[in-house]
């Protein structure tokens, strides 16, 4: 089974680097069960003490590829969801 090594200094997360290594290993193990592989390109840390009741993640693909993570209130989340789905959403 292939393993991925990440130098601790490459992971500027406000957490224990051992947890990041465990996360990478668990994803690799899960993909191996499906006979698939992936290349790690980054690890994201979602702020847990920011204002906002809802954390959203939006994937972007095109000339620039990545993910946008944001915290927001329910009213904005409902408006965004309605826009994405192109139908009214009354609440979460």
Protein backbone atom coordinates (compact mmCIF):
# COMPACT_ATOMS: atom_id res chain seq x y z
CA UNK A 1 0.00 0.00 0.00
CA UNK A 2 1.49 3.38 -0.95
CA UNK A 3 1.99 5.85 1.84
CA UNK A 4 2.26 9.59 1.70
CA UNK A 5 4.68 11.41 3.92
CA UNK A 6 4.06 15.01 4.86
CA UNK A 7 6.78 16.98 6.61
CA UNK A 8 5.27 18.58 9.71
CA UNK A 9 6.54 22.03 8.73
CA UNK A 10 4.41 21.90 5.55
CA UNK A 11 1.18 21.66 7.55
CA UNK A 12 0.52 25.07 9.13
CA UNK A 13 -2.67 23.94 10.86
CA UNK A 14 -3.67 24.99 14.35
CA UNK A 15 -3.82 21.32 15.28
CA UNK A 16 -1.68 18.30 16.00
CA UNK A 17 0.23 17.31 12.82
CA UNK A 18 -0.32 13.65 13.77
CA UNK A 19 -4.04 14.18 13.13
CA UNK A 20 -3.30 15.54 9.65
CA UNK A 21 -1.13 12.50 8.90
CA UNK A 22 -3.90 10.20 10.18
CA UNK A 23 -6.43 12.00 7.98
CA UNK A 24 -4.29 11.56 4.88
CA UNK A 25 -3.67 7.88 5.68
CA UNK A 26 -7.37 7.18 6.24
CA UNK A 27 -8.32 8.76 2.90
CA UNK A 28 -5.62 6.74 1.14
CA UNK A 29 -6.86 3.54 2.80
CA UNK A 30 -10.47 4.26 1.85
CA UNK A 31 -9.53 4.94 -1.77
CA UNK A 32 -7.39 1.80 -1.89
CA UNK A 33 -10.48 -0.25 -0.99
CA UNK A 34 -12.12 1.23 -4.11
CA UNK A 35 -9.02 0.54 -6.23
CA UNK A 36 -8.50 4.30 -6.64
CA UNK A 37 -5.79 6.81 -5.83
CA UNK A 38 -5.64 10.56 -5.36
CA UNK A 39 -2.91 13.14 -5.06
CA UNK A 40 -2.99 15.39 -2.01
CA UNK A 41 -2.94 19.03 -3.04
CA UNK A 42 -3.88 20.67 0.23
CA UNK A 43 -5.58 20.43 3.58
CA UNK A 44 -8.18 22.94 4.66
CA UNK A 45 -8.97 23.98 8.20
CA UNK A 46 -12.46 25.35 8.84
CA UNK A 47 -12.52 28.08 11.48
CA UNK A 48 -14.76 26.96 14.32
CA UNK A 49 -14.83 30.14 16.38
CA UNK A 50 -15.91 32.56 13.64
CA UNK A 51 -19.24 34.32 13.69
CA UNK A 52 -21.96 32.62 11.67
CA UNK A 53 -24.16 29.65 12.36
CA UNK A 54 -23.46 27.83 9.08
CA UNK A 55 -20.21 26.86 7.37
CA UNK A 56 -20.41 26.33 3.62
CA UNK A 57 -18.00 24.81 1.12
CA UNK A 58 -18.25 25.58 -2.60
CA UNK A 59 -16.13 23.73 -5.16
CA UNK A 60 -14.75 25.76 -8.06
CA UNK A 61 -13.53 24.16 -11.27
CA UNK A 62 -12.22 25.81 -14.43
CA UNK A 63 -9.16 28.00 -15.00
CA UNK A 64 -8.84 28.08 -11.22
CA UNK A 65 -9.78 25.02 -9.22
CA UNK A 66 -10.30 24.88 -5.51
CA UNK A 67 -12.75 25.25 -2.67
CA UNK A 68 -14.18 28.29 -0.97
CA UNK A 69 -15.01 27.82 2.70
CA UNK A 70 -17.11 30.46 4.45
CA UNK A 71 -19.18 31.06 7.57
CA UNK A 72 -22.53 32.79 7.27
CA UNK A 73 -25.89 33.29 8.91
CA UNK A 74 -28.97 31.21 8.02
CA UNK A 75 -30.59 34.00 5.98
CA UNK A 76 -27.61 34.25 3.61
CA UNK A 77 -27.27 30.45 3.40
CA UNK A 78 -30.95 30.14 2.40
CA UNK A 79 -30.57 32.85 -0.25
CA UNK A 80 -27.43 31.20 -1.68
CA UNK A 81 -29.06 27.77 -1.70
CA UNK A 82 -32.14 29.15 -3.46
CA UNK A 83 -29.89 30.72 -6.08
CA UNK A 84 -27.87 27.55 -6.64
CA UNK A 85 -30.96 25.35 -6.93
CA UNK A 86 -32.95 27.96 -8.88
CA UNK A 87 -35.98 27.29 -6.68
CA UNK A 88 -37.25 28.76 -3.43
CA UNK A 89 -35.88 27.32 -0.19
CA UNK A 90 -37.76 28.32 2.96
CA UNK A 91 -35.21 27.39 5.60
CA UNK A 92 -32.55 25.03 6.73
